[in-house]
C-alpha atoms as a PDB file:
ATOM      1  CA  MET A   1       0.925  14.471 -27.504  1.00  0.00           C
ATOM      2  CA  LYS A   2       4.579  14.952 -26.609  1.00  0.00           C
ATOM      3  CA  GLU A   3       6.528  11.743 -26.203  1.00  0.00           C
ATOM      4  CA  PRO A   4       7.659  11.300 -22.583  1.00  0.00           C
ATOM      5  CA  THR A   5      11.374  11.136 -21.931  1.00  0.00           C
ATOM      6  CA  VAL A   6      12.913   7.699 -21.536  1.00  0.00           C
ATOM      7  CA  ARG A   7      15.929   7.546 -19.255  1.00  0.00           C
ATOM      8  CA  THR A   8      18.792   5.179 -20.042  1.00  0.00           C
ATOM      9  CA  VAL A   9      20.404   3.303 -17.165  1.00  0.00           C
ATOM     10  CA  TYR A  10      23.660   1.439 -17.726  1.00  0.00           C
ATOM     11  CA  TYR A  11      24.527  -1.736 -15.855  1.00  0.00           C
ATOM     12  CA  ASP A  12      27.568  -3.974 -15.524  1.00  0.00           C
ATOM     13  CA  ASP A  13      26.150  -7.260 -14.213  1.00  0.00           C
ATOM     14  CA  GLU A  14      22.450  -8.135 -14.276  1.00  0.00           C
ATOM     15  CA  ARG A  15      22.852 -10.520 -11.340  1.00  0.00           C
ATOM     16  CA  THR A  16      24.491  -8.098  -8.922  1.00  0.00           C
ATOM     17  CA  ASP A  17      23.641  -4.507  -9.918  1.00  0.00           C
ATOM     18  CA  ASP A  18      20.867  -2.930  -7.890  1.00  0.00           C
ATOM     19  CA  PHE A  19      19.009   0.289  -8.724  1.00  0.00           C
ATOM     20  CA  ALA A  20      16.746   0.575  -5.704  1.00  0.00           C
ATOM     21  CA  GLY A  21      18.528   3.750  -4.621  1.00  0.00           C
ATOM     22  CA  VAL A  22      18.212   2.748  -0.969  1.00  0.00           C
ATOM     23  CA  THR A  23      21.209   2.071   1.263  1.00  0.00           C
ATOM     24  CA  ARG A  24      20.682   0.259   4.535  1.00  0.00           C
ATOM     25  CA  PRO A  25      23.173  -0.881   7.156  1.00  0.00           C
ATOM     26  CA  PRO A  26      24.098  -4.591   7.077  1.00  0.00           C
ATOM     27  CA  TYR A  27      21.926  -6.629   9.397  1.00  0.00           C
ATOM     28  CA  GLU A  28      22.439 -10.083  10.843  1.00  0.00           C
ATOM     29  CA  VAL A  29      19.159 -11.855  11.508  1.00  0.00           C
ATOM     30  CA  PRO A  30      19.217 -13.315  15.037  1.00  0.00           C
ATOM     31  CA  ALA A  31      18.955 -17.095  15.246  1.00  0.00           C
ATOM     32  CA  SER A  32      16.205 -16.614  17.829  1.00  0.00           C
ATOM     33  CA  LEU A  33      13.834 -14.923  15.361  1.00  0.00           C
ATOM     34  CA  ASP A  34      10.444 -16.619  15.424  1.00  0.00           C
ATOM     35  CA  TYR A  35       9.310 -16.874  11.812  1.00  0.00           C
ATOM     36  CA  ALA A  36       5.835 -18.136  12.690  1.00  0.00           C
ATOM     37  CA  PRO A  37       4.804 -16.868  16.133  1.00  0.00           C
ATOM     38  CA  ARG A  38       1.719 -18.593  17.503  1.00  0.00           C
ATOM     39  CA  SER A  39       0.884 -16.450  20.519  1.00  0.00           C
ATOM     40  CA  PHE A  40      -2.609 -14.956  20.532  1.00  0.00           C
ATOM     41  CA  PHE A  41      -1.420 -11.347  20.871  1.00  0.00           C
ATOM     42  CA  ARG A  42       1.181 -11.621  18.113  1.00  0.00           C
ATOM     43  CA  ARG A  43      -1.304 -13.279  15.752  1.00  0.00           C
ATOM     44  CA  ALA A  44      -3.950 -10.663  16.561  1.00  0.00           C
ATOM     45  CA  ALA A  45      -1.475  -7.854  15.891  1.00  0.00           C
ATOM     46  CA  ALA A  46      -0.386  -9.474  12.621  1.00  0.00           C
ATOM     47  CA  PHE A  47      -4.019  -9.869  11.525  1.00  0.00           C
ATOM     48  CA  PHE A  48      -4.782  -6.212  12.231  1.00  0.00           C
ATOM     49  CA  VAL A  49      -1.666  -4.884  10.497  1.00  0.00           C
ATOM     50  CA  TYR A  50      -2.025  -7.184   7.483  1.00  0.00           C
ATOM     51  CA  ARG A  51      -5.777  -7.058   6.896  1.00  0.00           C
ATOM     52  CA  CYS A  52      -6.761  -3.648   8.268  1.00  0.00           C
ATOM     53  CA  VAL A  53      -3.706  -1.549   7.420  1.00  0.00           C
ATOM     54  CA  MET A  54      -1.437  -3.055   4.783  1.00  0.00           C
ATOM     55  CA  THR A  55      -3.983  -4.655   2.423  1.00  0.00           C
ATOM     56  CA  PRO A  56      -6.229  -1.572   1.978  1.00  0.00           C
ATOM     57  CA  PHE A  57      -3.168   0.660   1.645  1.00  0.00           C
ATOM     58  CA  ALA A  58      -1.640  -1.704  -0.936  1.00  0.00           C
ATOM     59  CA  PHE A  59      -4.808  -1.646  -3.020  1.00  0.00           C
ATOM     60  CA  LEU A  60      -5.107   2.149  -2.969  1.00  0.00           C
ATOM     61  CA  TYR A  61      -1.402   2.689  -3.608  1.00  0.00           C
ATOM     62  CA  MET A  62      -1.257   0.347  -6.598  1.00  0.00           C
ATOM     63  CA  LYS A  63      -4.518   1.618  -8.098  1.00  0.00           C
ATOM     64  CA  ILE A  64      -3.766   5.320  -7.710  1.00  0.00           C
ATOM     65  CA  ARG A  65      -0.069   5.273  -8.579  1.00  0.00           C
ATOM     66  CA  PHE A  66      -0.045   2.597 -11.277  1.00  0.00           C
ATOM     67  CA  GLY A  67      -3.628   1.994 -12.381  1.00  0.00           C
ATOM     68  CA  TYR A  68      -3.044  -1.597 -11.257  1.00  0.00           C
ATOM     69  CA  ARG A  69      -4.758  -4.392 -13.167  1.00  0.00           C
ATOM     70  CA  LEU A  70      -4.632  -8.131 -12.497  1.00  0.00           C
ATOM     71  CA  VAL A  71      -5.021 -10.850 -15.116  1.00  0.00           C
ATOM     72  CA  ARG A  72      -5.428 -14.082 -13.192  1.00  0.00           C
ATOM     73  CA  ALA A  73      -4.919 -16.871 -15.714  1.00  0.00           C
ATOM     74  CA  ALA A  74      -4.631 -19.471 -12.981  1.00  0.00           C
ATOM     75  CA  ALA A  75      -6.817 -20.889 -10.257  1.00  0.00           C
ATOM     76  CA  LEU A  76      -5.287 -20.819  -6.794  1.00  0.00           C
ATOM     77  CA  PRO A  77      -4.908 -24.056  -4.809  1.00  0.00           C
ATOM     78  CA  GLU A  78      -7.748 -25.130  -2.606  1.00  0.00           C
ATOM     79  CA  LYS A  79      -8.087 -23.310   0.679  1.00  0.00           C
ATOM     80  CA  GLY A  80      -5.637 -24.586   3.264  1.00  0.00           C
ATOM     81  CA  ARG A  81      -2.915 -25.541   0.787  1.00  0.00           C
ATOM     82  CA  GLY A  82       0.092 -23.255   0.650  1.00  0.00           C
ATOM     83  CA  PHE A  83       2.138 -22.411  -2.428  1.00  0.00           C
ATOM     84  CA  PHE A  84       5.053 -20.328  -3.675  1.00  0.00           C
ATOM     85  CA  LEU A  85       4.854 -17.277  -5.921  1.00  0.00           C
ATOM     86  CA  TYR A  86       7.765 -16.111  -8.107  1.00  0.00           C
ATOM     87  CA  ALA A  87       7.792 -12.626  -9.609  1.00  0.00           C
ATOM     88  CA  ASN A  88      10.040 -10.229 -11.520  1.00  0.00           C
ATOM     89  CA  HIS A  89      11.582  -7.500  -9.343  1.00  0.00           C
ATOM     90  CA  THR A  90      10.632  -4.203 -11.010  1.00  0.00           C
ATOM     91  CA  LEU A  91       8.987  -1.937  -8.425  1.00  0.00           C
ATOM     92  CA  LEU A  92      10.209  -0.405  -5.192  1.00  0.00           C
ATOM     93  CA  ALA A  93       7.349  -0.194  -2.686  1.00  0.00           C
ATOM     94  CA  GLY A  94       5.040  -1.808  -5.230  1.00  0.00           C
ATOM     95  CA  ASP A  95       6.799  -5.166  -5.021  1.00  0.00           C
ATOM     96  CA  ALA A  96       5.967  -5.314  -1.326  1.00  0.00           C
ATOM     97  CA  PHE A  97       2.260  -4.889  -2.116  1.00  0.00           C
ATOM     98  CA  SER A  98       1.660  -6.616  -5.441  1.00  0.00           C
ATOM     99  CA  PRO A  99       1.700 -10.271  -4.248  1.00  0.00           C
ATOM    100  CA  SER A 100      -1.049  -9.667  -1.680  1.00  0.00           C
ATOM    101  CA  LEU A 101      -3.296  -8.278  -4.433  1.00  0.00           C
ATOM    102  CA  ALA A 102      -2.414 -11.004  -6.941  1.00  0.00           C
ATOM    103  CA  VAL A 103      -3.532 -13.839  -4.650  1.00  0.00           C
ATOM    104  CA  PHE A 104      -6.126 -12.058  -2.497  1.00  0.00           C
ATOM    105  CA  PRO A 105      -7.665 -13.188  -0.143  1.00  0.00           C
ATOM    106  CA  ARG A 106      -4.795 -15.571   0.613  1.00  0.00           C
ATOM    107  CA  LYS A 107      -2.225 -14.364   3.113  1.00  0.00           C
ATOM    108  CA  VAL A 108       1.210 -13.639   1.689  1.00  0.00           C
ATOM    109  CA  ARG A 109       4.611 -14.026   3.288  1.00  0.00           C
ATOM    110  CA  VAL A 110       7.511 -12.479   1.352  1.00  0.00           C
ATOM    111  CA  ILE A 111      11.066 -13.792   1.592  1.00  0.00           C
ATOM    112  CA  VAL A 112      13.306 -10.712   1.801  1.00  0.00           C
ATOM    113  CA  SER A 113      16.930  -9.762   2.224  1.00  0.00           C
ATOM    114  CA  PRO A 114      17.978  -9.093   5.859  1.00  0.00           C
ATOM    115  CA  ASP A 115      18.657  -5.490   4.830  1.00  0.00           C
ATOM    116  CA  ASN A 116      14.904  -4.964   4.496  1.00  0.00           C
ATOM    117  CA  VAL A 117      14.497  -5.345   8.256  1.00  0.00           C
ATOM    118  CA  ALA A 118      17.724  -3.596   9.219  1.00  0.00           C
ATOM    119  CA  LEU A 119      16.087  -0.470  10.665  1.00  0.00           C
ATOM    120  CA  PRO A 120      14.886  -1.014  14.261  1.00  0.00           C
ATOM    121  CA  ALA A 121      12.121   1.584  13.910  1.00  0.00           C
ATOM    122  CA  THR A 122      10.372  -0.205  11.033  1.00  0.00           C
ATOM    123  CA  ARG A 123      11.392  -3.824  11.699  1.00  0.00           C
ATOM    124  CA  PRO A 124       8.398  -4.838  13.877  1.00  0.00           C
ATOM    125  CA  PHE A 125       5.891  -3.424  11.382  1.00  0.00           C
ATOM    126  CA  ILE A 126       7.572  -5.074   8.379  1.00  0.00           C
ATOM    127  CA  LEU A 127       7.634  -8.433  10.154  1.00  0.00           C
ATOM    128  CA  LEU A 128       3.955  -8.100  11.061  1.00  0.00           C
ATOM    129  CA  CYS A 129       3.216  -7.400   7.383  1.00  0.00           C
ATOM    130  CA  GLY A 130       4.610 -10.825   6.508  1.00  0.00           C
ATOM    131  CA  ALA A 131       8.322 -10.340   5.732  1.00  0.00           C
ATOM    132  CA  LEU A 132      10.501 -13.419   6.175  1.00  0.00           C
ATOM    133  CA  PRO A 133      14.165 -12.297   6.222  1.00  0.00           C
ATOM    134  CA  LEU A 134      16.682 -14.836   5.000  1.00  0.00           C
ATOM    135  CA  PRO A 135      18.580 -16.330   7.948  1.00  0.00           C
ATOM    136  CA  SER A 136      22.165 -15.416   8.775  1.00  0.00           C
ATOM    137  CA  SER A 137      23.151 -18.648  10.565  1.00  0.00           C
ATOM    138  CA  LEU A 138      22.593 -22.386  10.480  1.00  0.00           C
ATOM    139  CA  ALA A 139      20.409 -22.222  13.580  1.00  0.00           C
ATOM    140  CA  GLY A 140      18.423 -19.455  11.936  1.00  0.00           C
ATOM    141  CA  ALA A 141      18.055 -21.572   8.789  1.00  0.00           C
ATOM    142  CA  ARG A 142      16.336 -24.312  10.771  1.00  0.00           C
ATOM    143  CA  ALA A 143      13.915 -21.764  12.254  1.00  0.00           C
ATOM    144  CA  PHE A 144      13.353 -20.272   8.794  1.00  0.00           C
ATOM    145  CA  LEU A 145      12.449 -23.639   7.224  1.00  0.00           C
ATOM    146  CA  SER A 146      10.228 -24.475  10.182  1.00  0.00           C
ATOM    147  CA  GLY A 147       8.443 -21.149   9.720  1.00  0.00           C
ATOM    148  CA  LEU A 148       7.927 -21.822   6.000  1.00  0.00           C
ATOM    149  CA  LYS A 149       6.423 -25.210   6.825  1.00  0.00           C
ATOM    150  CA  THR A 150       4.016 -23.619   9.297  1.00  0.00           C
ATOM    151  CA  HIS A 151       2.892 -20.882   6.908  1.00  0.00           C
ATOM    152  CA  LEU A 152       2.357 -23.370   4.074  1.00  0.00           C
ATOM    153  CA  ALA A 153       0.338 -25.617   6.377  1.00  0.00           C
ATOM    154  CA  ASP A 154      -1.821 -22.579   7.159  1.00  0.00           C
ATOM    155  CA  GLY A 155      -2.505 -22.166   3.425  1.00  0.00           C
ATOM    156  CA  ALA A 156      -0.392 -19.057   2.938  1.00  0.00           C
ATOM    157  CA  CYS A 157       1.397 -17.913  -0.193  1.00  0.00           C
ATOM    158  CA  VAL A 158       5.160 -17.437   0.094  1.00  0.00           C
ATOM    159  CA  ALA A 159       6.461 -14.918  -2.451  1.00  0.00           C
ATOM    160  CA  LEU A 160      10.010 -14.583  -3.773  1.00  0.00           C
ATOM    161  CA  TYR A 161      11.843 -12.356  -6.228  1.00  0.00           C
ATOM    162  CA  PRO A 162      14.502 -14.628  -7.779  1.00  0.00           C
ATOM    163  CA  GLU A 163      16.097 -11.747  -9.708  1.00  0.00           C
ATOM    164  CA  ALA A 164      17.141 -10.563  -6.197  1.00  0.00           C
ATOM    165  CA  HIS A 165      17.763  -6.904  -7.107  1.00  0.00           C
ATOM    166  CA  VAL A 166      15.289  -4.157  -7.984  1.00  0.00           C
ATOM    167  CA  TRP A 167      15.452  -2.705 -11.495  1.00  0.00           C
ATOM    168  CA  PRO A 168      12.592  -0.177 -11.581  1.00  0.00           C
ATOM    169  CA  TYR A 169      10.264  -0.504 -14.592  1.00  0.00           C
ATOM    170  CA  CYS A 170      12.523  -3.050 -16.298  1.00  0.00           C
ATOM    171  CA  THR A 171      10.652  -4.814 -19.102  1.00  0.00           C
ATOM    172  CA  ALA A 172      13.253  -7.547 -19.651  1.00  0.00           C
ATOM    173  CA  ILE A 173      13.565 -10.623 -17.461  1.00  0.00           C
ATOM    174  CA  ARG A 174      16.975 -11.111 -15.955  1.00  0.00           C
ATOM    175  CA  ASP A 175      18.483 -14.541 -15.538  1.00  0.00           C
ATOM    176  CA  PHE A 176      18.067 -16.118 -12.153  1.00  0.00           C
ATOM    177  CA  PRO A 177      19.498 -19.291 -10.589  1.00  0.00           C
ATOM    178  CA  ASP A 178      17.409 -22.249  -9.548  1.00  0.00           C
ATOM    179  CA  ASP A 179      18.358 -22.040  -5.848  1.00  0.00           C
ATOM    180  CA  ALA A 180      15.112 -20.306  -4.892  1.00  0.00           C
ATOM    181  CA  PHE A 181      13.127 -23.177  -6.405  1.00  0.00           C
ATOM    182  CA  ARG A 182      14.300 -25.730  -3.890  1.00  0.00           C
ATOM    183  CA  TYR A 183      11.473 -24.751  -1.557  1.00  0.00           C
ATOM    184  CA  PRO A 184       8.531 -26.123  -3.598  1.00  0.00           C
ATOM    185  CA  VAL A 185      10.547 -29.313  -4.133  1.00  0.00           C
ATOM    186  CA  LYS A 186      11.304 -29.651  -0.437  1.00  0.00           C
ATOM    187  CA  PHE A 187       7.737 -29.024   0.727  1.00  0.00           C
ATOM    188  CA  GLY A 188       5.906 -30.676  -2.183  1.00  0.00           C
ATOM    189  CA  VAL A 189       3.726 -27.679  -3.050  1.00  0.00           C
ATOM    190  CA  PRO A 190       2.994 -25.898  -6.353  1.00  0.00           C
ATOM    191  CA  ALA A 191       4.583 -22.717  -7.663  1.00  0.00           C
ATOM    192  CA  TYR A 192       2.979 -19.795  -9.491  1.00  0.00           C
ATOM    193  CA  ALA A 193       4.399 -16.998 -11.615  1.00  0.00           C
ATOM    194  CA  ALA A 194       3.436 -13.316 -11.292  1.00  0.00           C
ATOM    195  CA  THR A 195       4.729 -11.104 -14.099  1.00  0.00           C
ATOM    196  CA  THR A 196       4.602  -7.321 -13.761  1.00  0.00           C
ATOM    197  CA  THR A 197       4.263  -5.560 -17.131  1.00  0.00           C
ATOM    198  CA  PHE A 198       4.145  -1.897 -18.091  1.00  0.00           C
ATOM    199  CA  SER A 199       2.253   0.233 -20.594  1.00  0.00           C
ATOM    200  CA  ARG A 200       2.019   3.946 -21.244  1.00  0.00           C
ATOM    201  CA  ARG A 201      -0.656   6.172 -19.709  1.00  0.00           C
ATOM    202  CA  ARG A 202      -1.752   9.512 -21.107  1.00  0.00           C
ATOM    203  CA  PHE A 203      -0.535  12.506 -19.128  1.00  0.00           C
ATOM    204  CA  ARG A 204       1.355  10.286 -16.664  1.00  0.00           C
ATOM    205  CA  ARG A 205       5.038   9.451 -16.641  1.00  0.00           C
ATOM    206  CA  THR A 206       4.389   6.556 -14.287  1.00  0.00           C
ATOM    207  CA  PRO A 207       3.371   3.555 -16.412  1.00  0.00           C
ATOM    208  CA  ARG A 208       0.298   1.416 -15.951  1.00  0.00           C
ATOM    209  CA  VAL A 209       1.018  -1.869 -14.191  1.00  0.00           C
ATOM    210  CA  THR A 210      -0.635  -5.101 -15.281  1.00  0.00           C
ATOM    211  CA  VAL A 211       0.216  -8.287 -13.400  1.00  0.00           C
ATOM    212  CA  PHE A 212      -0.300 -11.706 -14.980  1.00  0.00           C
ATOM    213  CA  LEU A 213      -0.723 -14.670 -12.635  1.00  0.00           C
ATOM    214  CA  ASP A 214       0.080 -18.076 -14.172  1.00  0.00           C
ATOM    215  CA  GLY A 215       0.340 -21.631 -12.886  1.00  0.00           C
ATOM    216  CA  PRO A 216       0.345 -23.931 -11.132  1.00  0.00           C
ATOM    217  CA  PHE A 217       3.771 -25.408 -11.829  1.00  0.00           C
ATOM    218  CA  PHE A 218       4.771 -28.631 -10.098  1.00  0.00           C
ATOM    219  CA  PRO A 219       8.247 -30.039  -9.477  1.00  0.00           C
ATOM    220  CA  GLU A 220       8.914 -32.786 -12.009  1.00  0.00           C
ATOM    221  CA  GLY A 221      11.658 -35.389 -11.796  1.00  0.00           C
ATOM    222  CA  GLU A 222      12.755 -37.973  -9.264  1.00  0.00           C
ATOM    223  CA  ASP A 223      16.051 -36.242  -8.554  1.00  0.00           C
ATOM    224  CA  PRO A 224      15.461 -33.155  -6.347  1.00  0.00           C
ATOM    225  CA  ARG A 225      18.132 -31.089  -8.100  1.00  0.00           C
ATOM    226  CA  GLN A 226      16.690 -31.883 -11.509  1.00  0.00           C
ATOM    227  CA  ALA A 227      13.160 -31.175 -10.293  1.00  0.00           C
ATOM    228  CA  GLN A 228      14.392 -27.838  -8.956  1.00  0.00           C
ATOM    229  CA  LYS A 229      15.929 -26.935 -12.315  1.00  0.00           C
ATOM    230  CA  ASN A 230      12.856 -28.076 -14.256  1.00  0.00           C
ATOM    231  CA  LEU A 231      10.625 -25.923 -12.080  1.00  0.00           C
ATOM    232  CA  ARG A 232      12.891 -22.907 -12.496  1.00  0.00           C
ATOM    233  CA  ASP A 233      12.908 -23.336 -16.272  1.00  0.00           C
ATOM    234  CA  ALA A 234       9.108 -23.600 -16.473  1.00  0.00           C
ATOM    235  CA  VAL A 235       8.573 -20.465 -14.377  1.00  0.00           C
ATOM    236  CA  TYR A 236      11.308 -18.545 -16.185  1.00  0.00           C
ATOM    237  CA  ARG A 237       9.845 -19.359 -19.606  1.00  0.00           C
ATOM    238  CA  THR A 238       6.407 -18.229 -18.483  1.00  0.00           C
ATOM    239  CA  ILE A 239       7.583 -14.943 -16.969  1.00  0.00           C
ATOM    240  CA  THR A 240       9.757 -14.217 -20.007  1.00  0.00           C
ATOM    241  CA  GLU A 241       6.831 -14.812 -22.369  1.00  0.00           C
ATOM    242  CA  ARG A 242       4.430 -12.719 -20.286  1.00  0.00           C
ATOM    243  CA  ALA A 243       6.955  -9.867 -20.108  1.00  0.00           C
ATOM    244  CA  LYS A 244       6.421  -9.376 -23.841  1.00  0.00           C
ATOM    245  CA  GLU A 245       3.084  -7.780 -22.891  1.00  0.00           C
ATOM    246  CA  SER A 246       5.027  -4.687 -21.764  1.00  0.00           C
ATOM    247  CA  THR A 247       4.696  -1.940 -24.350  1.00  0.00           C
ATOM    248  CA  TRP A 248       6.457   1.020 -22.716  1.00  0.00           C
ATOM    249  CA  SER A 249       8.723   1.973 -19.829  1.00  0.00           C
ATOM    250  CA  PRO A 250      10.225   5.270 -18.653  1.00  0.00           C
ATOM    251  CA  VAL A 251      13.568   3.496 -18.164  1.00  0.00           C
ATOM    252  CA  ARG A 252      15.725   1.656 -20.677  1.00  0.00           C
ATOM    253  CA  TYR A 253      18.493  -0.613 -19.414  1.00  0.00           C
ATOM    254  CA  GLU A 254      21.656  -1.095 -21.438  1.00  0.00           C
ATOM    255  CA  LYS A 255      24.825  -2.989 -20.636  1.00  0.00           C
ATOM    256  CA  ARG A 256      27.568  -0.483 -20.019  1.00  0.00           C
ATOM    257  CA  LYS A 257      30.379  -0.270 -22.515  1.00  0.00           C
ATOM    258  CA  LYS A 258      33.914   0.824 -21.800  1.00  0.00           C
ATOM    259  CA  GLY A 259      34.080   4.522 -21.033  1.00  0.00           C
ATOM    260  CA  GLU A 260      30.396   4.872 -20.119  1.00  0.00           C
ATOM    261  CA  ARG A 261      29.320   5.795 -16.632  1.00  0.00           C
ATOM    262  CA  ALA A 262      26.547   3.857 -14.881  1.00  0.00           C
ATOM    263  CA  ILE A 263      23.600   6.015 -13.808  1.00  0.00           C
END
């Protein structure tokens, strides 16, 4: 069988380079955004979009496109207790769907960049699917934290991608800061790790996706900053170790040298 072509992508900085290939206009999240609406009609609409539209579509998309497989090496918290989920950022549309499959039947809320809700035509649908855009103001930050508290109290999973930028099919784990790990410390809830790995499929250039779910990880240490760092280190070690399960990718990432052009 002919070996499939592997494309090389060159990068300059693993913390800032993004290879999503999507450009959106800058968007400032209004301070008035309700991150956890409680009205009957809004909740009914969110239930329909999430359970009847997004979840079945996510399952079919991941199964058909990637041959999705889940290895759940961790028991989820008891019903009614929320938690955070940290994952490597390696798929485009797939990263919007994967968390809901990894922790099904728990509801998932995904913390996203404001750019993800920049388009007016798709913004209402994306918000109904569970997107939580990072706030753009201090007033918005208070509403954002209040919304997180509400969702966690409802037993939801809040997912984050601490690598911040999409590197499609990347098998290495990029460094990420511990800032995103302040949330489990603040709210006193556990964290889990979801690692997306890739392997070759016969007759398909698109690799098979296997997701490993590990945890729980709890903040340790009396000092909040130290507990935040300890939690980050535990999750990072786990994701890095699980990433070794990847055996093939159609893309190879290399740091760009002088004179080379990034692709």
